[in-house]
Amino acid sequence: MAAAVVGEALAGGKKRGASRSWILFDAAGEERLLDADKYAIMHRVDINARDLRILDPLLSYPSTILGRERAIVLNLEHIKAIITAEEVLLRDPLDDIVIPVVEQLRRRLAPSVPSTQHDVEGTEEDESPFEFRALEVTLEAICSFLDARTTELESAAYPTLDELTSKISSRNLDRVRKLKSGMTRLNARVQKVRDELEQLLDDDDDMADLYLSRKLAGTASPVSGSGGPNWFPASPTIGSKISRASRASAATIHGNENDVEELEMLLEAYFMQIDGTFNKLTTLREYIDDTEDYINIQLDNHRNQLIQLELFLSSGTVCLSLYSLFAAIFGMNIPYTWNDDHGYVFKWVSQH
């Protein structure tokens, strides 16, 4: 019911041009729109003002995934979200570019209701902590978005480059210039996301900061020797969804707190995806560079042909100048001795 109401609000807001700041999804499957100011958000998720400033759409910040004590601050292109162990807040949910992310969060974060005991066991085996599932949705959305933009660029670039090689014209050159400019901007955006994921993968401490459920379990209910940990003592709904891998990682709170294998596998999968997109752009850039080299070779060839023509015309001009020189010498009226008995030379030069 709540999802239907929020869906109608999203559709109505899109039609009227209304704007709300945040949409909230919690682990129980509830969602609602929030018109909270930044101070209310800071108090709700316990983050600093400088962290919330990263999510300001009016400011330009690079792609960032920050792990805080009780939240993950995530800024990936148009996806600006705050993820906690129990809820996720997504900014500007009425933007056309953000609505698909809202739909994915609604579908992926909805609690599943198994029908049999076998389904219950399978759910407990497969599901990850809430913050990991929310993080996975945002990573999948941004990687798919950038890959789609790259595919669109490729479909427009390759025919245009081939057309330029067959016919060099101002129109084709201008189209390639615009494509190259768009490719440069897109490459920078993909590079930022790729670098952020790579930086996380290279630092176990940064990945450990993203284990919000582990930190919450460590402060609320330390591991005992007789039984398993109580991840969410105040939320049985969330506690019933913890996967075996997550429970195993919680059991190492007092042992190895940097056991980040589960998150590392998640980040590695999307790093490979964004790296594939980056490789596509690299290949496209190399194709553009090869096309530019080919065009320069063609222009150099035409330039050499013009130089040869100019040299041929210059040689002809010099030859004609020699005839003019002889005609001028023998056509002068100044008397000189060596012209005696050589009058036929002037006649020969004049005839030729």
Protein backbone atom coordinates (compact mmCIF):
# COMPACT_ATOMS: atom_id res chain seq x y z
CA MET A 1 0.00 0.00 0.00
CA ALA A 2 2.79 2.40 0.94
CA ALA A 3 4.62 1.61 -2.30
CA ALA A 4 1.48 2.36 -4.32
CA VAL A 5 0.97 5.69 -2.55
CA VAL A 6 4.59 6.68 -3.07
CA GLY A 7 4.39 5.56 -6.70
CA GLU A 8 1.37 7.81 -7.26
CA ALA A 9 3.20 10.65 -5.54
CA LEU A 10 6.20 10.13 -7.81
CA ALA A 11 4.03 10.12 -10.91
CA GLY A 12 2.09 13.17 -9.76
CA GLY A 13 5.25 15.02 -8.84
CA LYS A 14 6.70 14.26 -12.27
CA LYS A 15 3.61 15.70 -13.98
CA ARG A 16 3.35 18.83 -11.83
CA GLY A 17 7.08 19.46 -11.68
CA ALA A 18 7.01 19.12 -7.88
CA SER A 19 10.19 18.31 -6.05
CA ARG A 20 10.84 16.49 -2.79
CA SER A 21 14.28 16.06 -1.33
CA TRP A 22 14.46 12.42 -0.26
CA ILE A 23 12.76 9.05 -0.51
CA LEU A 24 13.30 6.54 2.29
CA PHE A 25 13.30 2.74 2.08
CA ASP A 26 13.63 0.67 5.23
CA ALA A 27 14.39 -2.99 5.80
CA ALA A 28 10.75 -3.78 6.55
CA GLY A 29 9.78 -2.86 2.99
CA GLU A 30 8.21 0.49 3.86
CA GLU A 31 8.94 3.60 1.82
CA ARG A 32 7.97 7.22 2.13
CA LEU A 33 8.85 10.64 0.81
CA LEU A 34 10.64 13.07 3.12
CA ASP A 35 10.77 16.85 3.06
CA ALA A 36 13.47 17.01 5.70
CA ASP A 37 16.08 19.75 5.88
CA LYS A 38 19.77 18.97 6.13
CA TYR A 39 19.85 19.24 9.92
CA ALA A 40 17.11 16.64 10.27
CA ILE A 41 18.97 14.33 7.88
CA MET A 42 22.24 14.83 9.76
CA HIS A 43 20.54 13.97 13.05
CA ARG A 44 18.73 10.97 11.57
CA VAL A 45 21.77 9.23 10.09
CA ASP A 46 24.46 10.74 12.33
CA ILE A 47 26.76 12.27 9.73
CA ASN A 48 28.62 15.58 9.53
CA ALA A 49 27.66 18.61 7.46
CA ARG A 50 30.70 18.13 5.21
CA ASP A 51 29.49 14.61 4.40
CA LEU A 52 26.02 15.88 3.52
CA ARG A 53 27.58 18.62 1.40
CA ILE A 54 28.96 15.91 -0.89
CA LEU A 55 25.36 15.07 -1.85
CA ASP A 56 24.42 18.64 -2.74
CA PRO A 57 23.42 18.62 -6.47
CA LEU A 58 24.44 22.28 -6.77
CA LEU A 59 28.04 21.48 -5.86
CA SER A 60 30.44 19.51 -8.01
CA TYR A 61 32.04 16.65 -6.11
CA PRO A 62 33.77 13.60 -7.59
CA SER A 63 32.27 10.14 -7.23
CA THR A 64 32.66 9.08 -3.61
CA ILE A 65 31.76 6.17 -1.33
CA LEU A 66 32.44 7.06 2.30
CA GLY A 67 32.04 4.73 5.27
CA ARG A 68 31.02 6.42 8.50
CA GLU A 69 30.20 5.03 11.92
CA ARG A 70 26.51 4.49 11.21
CA ALA A 71 26.09 5.29 7.52
CA ILE A 72 27.51 5.03 4.03
CA VAL A 73 27.56 8.32 2.12
CA LEU A 74 27.37 7.59 -1.58
CA ASN A 75 27.75 10.06 -4.44
CA LEU A 76 27.89 8.35 -7.85
CA GLU A 77 26.94 10.66 -10.70
CA HIS A 78 23.18 11.29 -10.35
CA ILE A 79 22.80 8.77 -7.50
CA LYS A 80 23.16 10.53 -4.17
CA ALA A 81 22.20 8.35 -1.23
CA ILE A 82 22.78 7.67 2.44
CA ILE A 83 22.70 4.02 3.47
CA THR A 84 22.40 2.79 7.04
CA ALA A 85 22.02 -0.70 8.46
CA GLU A 86 18.23 -0.30 8.49
CA GLU A 87 17.28 2.20 5.78
CA VAL A 88 18.43 4.00 2.66
CA LEU A 89 17.69 7.62 1.75
CA LEU A 90 17.88 8.60 -1.91
CA ARG A 91 18.00 12.23 -2.96
CA ASP A 92 15.83 13.83 -5.68
CA PRO A 93 13.65 10.75 -6.38
CA LEU A 94 11.42 12.65 -8.85
CA ASP A 95 14.18 13.30 -11.38
CA ASP A 96 13.67 11.28 -14.55
CA ILE A 97 17.17 9.91 -14.33
CA VAL A 98 16.70 8.79 -10.70
CA ILE A 99 13.28 7.15 -11.05
CA PRO A 100 14.74 3.86 -12.41
CA VAL A 101 16.95 3.67 -9.32
CA VAL A 102 13.87 4.14 -7.12
CA GLU A 103 12.16 1.27 -8.90
CA GLN A 104 15.17 -0.99 -8.44
CA LEU A 105 15.38 -0.15 -4.73
CA ARG A 106 11.68 -0.84 -4.34
CA ARG A 107 12.01 -4.22 -6.03
CA ARG A 108 15.32 -5.39 -4.52
CA LEU A 109 14.82 -4.18 -0.95
CA ALA A 110 11.31 -5.54 -0.53
CA PRO A 111 11.26 -8.31 2.11
CA SER A 112 10.67 -11.77 0.68
CA VAL A 113 8.05 -14.06 2.20
CA PRO A 114 9.14 -17.72 1.79
CA SER A 115 6.34 -20.25 1.53
CA THR A 116 8.15 -23.32 2.89
CA GLN A 117 10.83 -24.14 5.38
CA HIS A 118 13.15 -24.93 2.48
CA ASP A 119 12.59 -21.40 1.13
CA VAL A 120 13.33 -19.97 4.57
CA GLU A 121 16.63 -21.80 4.70
CA GLY A 122 17.47 -20.70 1.16
CA THR A 123 16.68 -17.09 2.00
CA GLU A 124 18.93 -17.14 5.04
CA GLU A 125 21.70 -18.73 2.99
CA ASP A 126 21.58 -16.25 0.11
CA GLU A 127 20.66 -12.81 1.48
CA SER A 128 23.24 -10.22 2.50
CA PRO A 129 22.92 -7.43 5.06
CA PHE A 130 20.60 -4.58 4.17
CA GLU A 131 23.38 -2.07 3.50
CA PHE A 132 25.08 -4.44 1.06
CA ARG A 133 21.87 -4.98 -0.90
CA ALA A 134 21.26 -1.24 -1.10
CA LEU A 135 24.87 -0.63 -2.11
CA GLU A 136 24.58 -3.32 -4.78
CA VAL A 137 21.49 -1.64 -6.27
CA THR A 138 23.24 1.72 -6.55
CA LEU A 139 26.41 0.21 -8.02
CA GLU A 140 24.42 -1.82 -10.54
CA ALA A 141 22.41 1.27 -11.51
CA ILE A 142 25.42 3.52 -12.06
CA CYS A 143 27.43 0.86 -13.91
CA SER A 144 24.48 0.07 -16.18
CA PHE A 145 23.84 3.77 -16.77
CA LEU A 146 27.44 4.51 -17.79
CA ASP A 147 27.60 1.38 -19.93
CA ALA A 148 24.41 2.41 -21.74
CA ARG A 149 25.84 5.88 -22.42
CA THR A 150 29.01 4.26 -23.74
CA THR A 151 27.03 1.97 -26.04
CA GLU A 152 25.10 4.95 -27.42
CA LEU A 153 28.35 6.80 -28.03
CA GLU A 154 29.86 3.80 -29.80
CA SER A 155 26.83 3.35 -32.07
CA ALA A 156 27.14 7.01 -33.17
CA ALA A 157 30.93 7.27 -33.27
CA TYR A 158 32.03 4.35 -35.43
CA PRO A 159 29.81 5.16 -38.48
CA THR A 160 30.77 8.84 -38.24
CA LEU A 161 34.48 8.01 -38.14
CA ASP A 162 34.13 5.64 -41.10
CA GLU A 163 32.29 8.33 -43.04
CA LEU A 164 35.06 10.82 -42.28
CA THR A 165 37.73 8.47 -43.64
CA SER A 166 35.81 8.14 -46.91
CA LYS A 167 35.04 11.86 -47.25
CA ILE A 168 36.88 14.62 -45.44
CA SER A 169 34.52 17.56 -45.08
CA SER A 170 33.86 20.34 -42.61
CA ARG A 171 30.56 18.73 -41.60
CA ASN A 172 32.14 15.36 -40.85
CA LEU A 173 35.04 16.97 -39.01
CA ASP A 174 32.62 18.95 -36.83
CA ARG A 175 30.62 15.78 -36.02
CA VAL A 176 33.79 13.97 -34.99
CA ARG A 177 34.85 16.93 -32.87
CA LYS A 178 31.55 16.83 -30.96
CA LEU A 179 31.79 13.05 -30.52
CA LYS A 180 35.34 13.30 -29.22
CA SER A 181 34.30 16.00 -26.76
CA GLY A 182 31.43 13.83 -25.49
CA MET A 183 33.73 10.82 -25.23
CA THR A 184 36.24 12.81 -23.17
CA ARG A 185 33.56 13.88 -20.69
CA LEU A 186 32.10 10.37 -20.43
CA ASN A 187 35.56 8.86 -20.02
CA ALA A 188 36.24 11.21 -17.10
CA ARG A 189 32.96 10.18 -15.42
CA VAL A 190 33.69 6.48 -15.84
CA GLN A 191 37.26 7.00 -14.63
CA LYS A 192 36.04 8.63 -11.40
CA VAL A 193 33.72 5.74 -10.54
CA ARG A 194 36.39 3.20 -11.47
CA ASP A 195 39.03 4.94 -9.36
CA GLU A 196 36.71 5.09 -6.35
CA LEU A 197 35.97 1.36 -6.52
CA GLU A 198 39.64 0.57 -7.03
CA GLN A 199 40.58 2.71 -4.05
CA LEU A 200 38.07 0.84 -1.88
CA LEU A 201 39.35 -2.54 -3.07
CA ASP A 202 42.92 -1.55 -2.26
CA ASP A 203 42.15 -0.62 1.35
CA ASP A 204 40.70 -3.25 3.71
CA ASP A 205 40.10 -0.61 6.39
CA ASP A 206 37.88 1.43 4.06
CA MET A 207 35.90 -1.69 3.17
CA ALA A 208 35.59 -2.62 6.83
CA ASP A 209 34.03 0.81 7.46
CA LEU A 210 31.16 -0.19 5.15
CA TYR A 211 30.19 -3.15 7.38
CA LEU A 212 27.51 -1.20 9.25
CA SER A 213 25.75 -4.33 10.51
CA ARG A 214 29.00 -5.68 11.94
CA LYS A 215 29.73 -2.41 13.73
CA LEU A 216 26.16 -2.23 15.03
CA ALA A 217 26.38 -5.80 16.29
CA GLY A 218 29.73 -5.08 17.93
CA THR A 219 28.38 -2.15 19.91
CA ALA A 220 24.95 -3.60 20.72
CA SER A 221 25.55 -7.30 21.27
CA PRO A 222 29.13 -8.63 21.38
CA VAL A 223 29.76 -12.20 20.30
CA SER A 224 29.53 -14.75 23.06
CA GLY A 225 31.10 -18.16 23.17
CA SER A 226 27.79 -20.03 23.61
CA GLY A 227 25.66 -18.65 20.80
CA GLY A 228 25.53 -16.66 17.60
CA PRO A 229 25.48 -12.86 17.55
CA ASN A 230 22.30 -10.82 17.68
CA TRP A 231 22.83 -8.44 14.79
CA PHE A 232 19.75 -6.27 15.32
CA PRO A 233 18.32 -6.72 18.83
CA ALA A 234 15.79 -3.93 18.24
CA SER A 235 14.72 -5.11 14.80
CA PRO A 236 13.72 -8.79 14.48
CA THR A 237 12.68 -8.18 10.86
CA ILE A 238 16.22 -7.34 9.86
CA GLY A 239 17.73 -9.94 12.13
CA SER A 240 15.82 -12.69 10.36
CA LYS A 241 17.41 -11.77 7.01
CA ILE A 242 21.09 -12.02 7.84
CA SER A 243 22.97 -14.39 5.57
CA ARG A 244 25.29 -17.13 6.73
CA ALA A 245 28.28 -15.26 5.32
CA SER A 246 27.29 -12.13 7.24
CA ARG A 247 26.84 -14.07 10.46
CA ALA A 248 30.25 -15.65 9.96
CA SER A 249 31.81 -12.24 9.50
CA ALA A 250 30.07 -11.01 12.67
CA ALA A 251 31.62 -13.89 14.56
CA THR A 252 35.04 -12.40 13.87
CA ILE A 253 34.32 -9.03 15.48
CA HIS A 254 36.81 -9.68 18.24
CA GLY A 255 39.09 -11.63 15.92
CA ASN A 256 39.73 -10.26 12.47
CA GLU A 257 37.70 -7.07 11.95
CA ASN A 258 39.16 -6.68 8.46
CA ASP A 259 37.50 -9.84 7.12
CA VAL A 260 35.96 -8.13 4.10
CA GLU A 261 35.70 -11.02 1.66
CA GLU A 262 31.94 -10.67 1.12
CA LEU A 263 32.10 -6.96 0.34
CA GLU A 264 35.28 -7.40 -1.67
CA MET A 265 33.52 -9.89 -3.96
CA LEU A 266 30.64 -7.45 -4.42
CA LEU A 267 32.89 -4.50 -5.23
CA GLU A 268 35.12 -6.63 -7.45
CA ALA A 269 32.14 -7.66 -9.61
CA TYR A 270 31.11 -4.08 -10.29
CA PHE A 271 34.71 -2.95 -10.66
CA MET A 272 35.05 -5.50 -13.48
CA GLN A 273 31.87 -4.14 -15.06
CA ILE A 274 32.95 -0.50 -14.91
CA ASP A 275 36.43 -1.51 -16.03
CA GLY A 276 34.85 -3.15 -19.09
CA THR A 277 33.06 0.14 -19.84
CA PHE A 278 36.33 2.00 -19.40
CA ASN A 279 38.03 -0.41 -21.82
CA LYS A 280 35.30 0.26 -24.40
CA LEU A 281 36.00 3.97 -24.15
CA THR A 282 39.73 3.34 -24.38
CA THR A 283 39.20 1.30 -27.54
CA LEU A 284 37.00 4.04 -28.97
CA ARG A 285 39.61 6.67 -28.15
CA GLU A 286 42.29 4.58 -29.88
CA TYR A 287 40.03 4.23 -32.92
CA ILE A 288 39.57 8.01 -32.99
CA ASP A 289 43.34 8.50 -32.70
CA ASP A 290 43.92 6.02 -35.53
CA THR A 291 41.35 7.84 -37.66
CA GLU A 292 43.06 11.15 -36.94
CA ASP A 293 46.41 9.64 -37.94
CA TYR A 294 44.88 8.32 -41.15
CA ILE A 295 43.36 11.74 -41.92
CA ASN A 296 46.70 13.43 -41.24
CA ILE A 297 48.43 10.98 -43.60
CA GLN A 298 45.88 11.80 -46.29
CA LEU A 299 46.33 15.52 -45.74
CA ASP A 300 50.13 15.12 -45.86
CA ASN A 301 49.79 13.23 -49.13
CA HIS A 302 47.64 16.00 -50.62
CA ARG A 303 50.11 18.55 -49.30
CA ASN A 304 52.99 16.70 -50.99
CA GLN A 305 51.07 16.63 -54.25
CA LEU A 306 50.55 20.38 -54.04
CA ILE A 307 54.24 20.88 -53.33
CA GLN A 308 55.13 18.77 -56.39
CA LEU A 309 52.74 20.82 -58.53
CA GLU A 310 54.22 24.02 -57.18
CA LEU A 311 57.74 22.75 -57.93
CA PHE A 312 56.71 21.83 -61.50
CA LEU A 313 55.19 25.26 -62.09
CA SER A 314 58.26 26.95 -60.62
CA SER A 315 60.52 24.94 -62.95
CA GLY A 316 58.41 25.93 -65.96
CA THR A 317 58.55 29.55 -64.89
CA VAL A 318 62.34 29.39 -64.68
CA CYS A 319 62.55 27.88 -68.19
CA LEU A 320 60.36 30.61 -69.62
CA SER A 321 62.40 33.21 -67.81
CA LEU A 322 65.55 32.00 -69.64
CA TYR A 323 63.93 32.69 -73.04
CA SER A 324 62.92 36.11 -71.81
CA LEU A 325 66.47 36.73 -70.65
CA PHE A 326 67.98 35.94 -74.07
CA ALA A 327 65.35 38.00 -75.85
CA ALA A 328 66.02 40.94 -73.56
CA ILE A 329 69.80 40.73 -74.01
CA PHE A 330 69.79 40.54 -77.79
CA GLY A 331 66.94 42.98 -78.17
CA MET A 332 68.77 45.89 -76.53
CA ASN A 333 69.74 48.90 -78.75
CA ILE A 334 73.00 49.49 -76.91
CA PRO A 335 75.91 48.86 -79.22
CA TYR A 336 78.45 46.27 -78.09
CA THR A 337 81.22 44.54 -79.99
CA TRP A 338 80.34 40.92 -79.33
CA ASN A 339 77.02 41.42 -81.16
CA ASP A 340 78.82 41.85 -84.46
CA ASP A 341 78.18 39.05 -86.91
CA HIS A 342 75.78 37.42 -84.40
CA GLY A 343 72.50 39.05 -85.41
CA TYR A 344 70.93 35.71 -86.25
CA VAL A 345 70.88 34.85 -82.55
CA PHE A 346 68.22 37.46 -81.80
CA LYS A 347 66.15 36.16 -84.71
CA TRP A 348 66.48 32.58 -83.37
CA VAL A 349 65.50 33.58 -79.86
CA SER A 350 62.54 35.58 -81.14
CA GLN A 351 61.29 32.63 -83.17
CA HIS A 352 61.60 30.21 -80.33
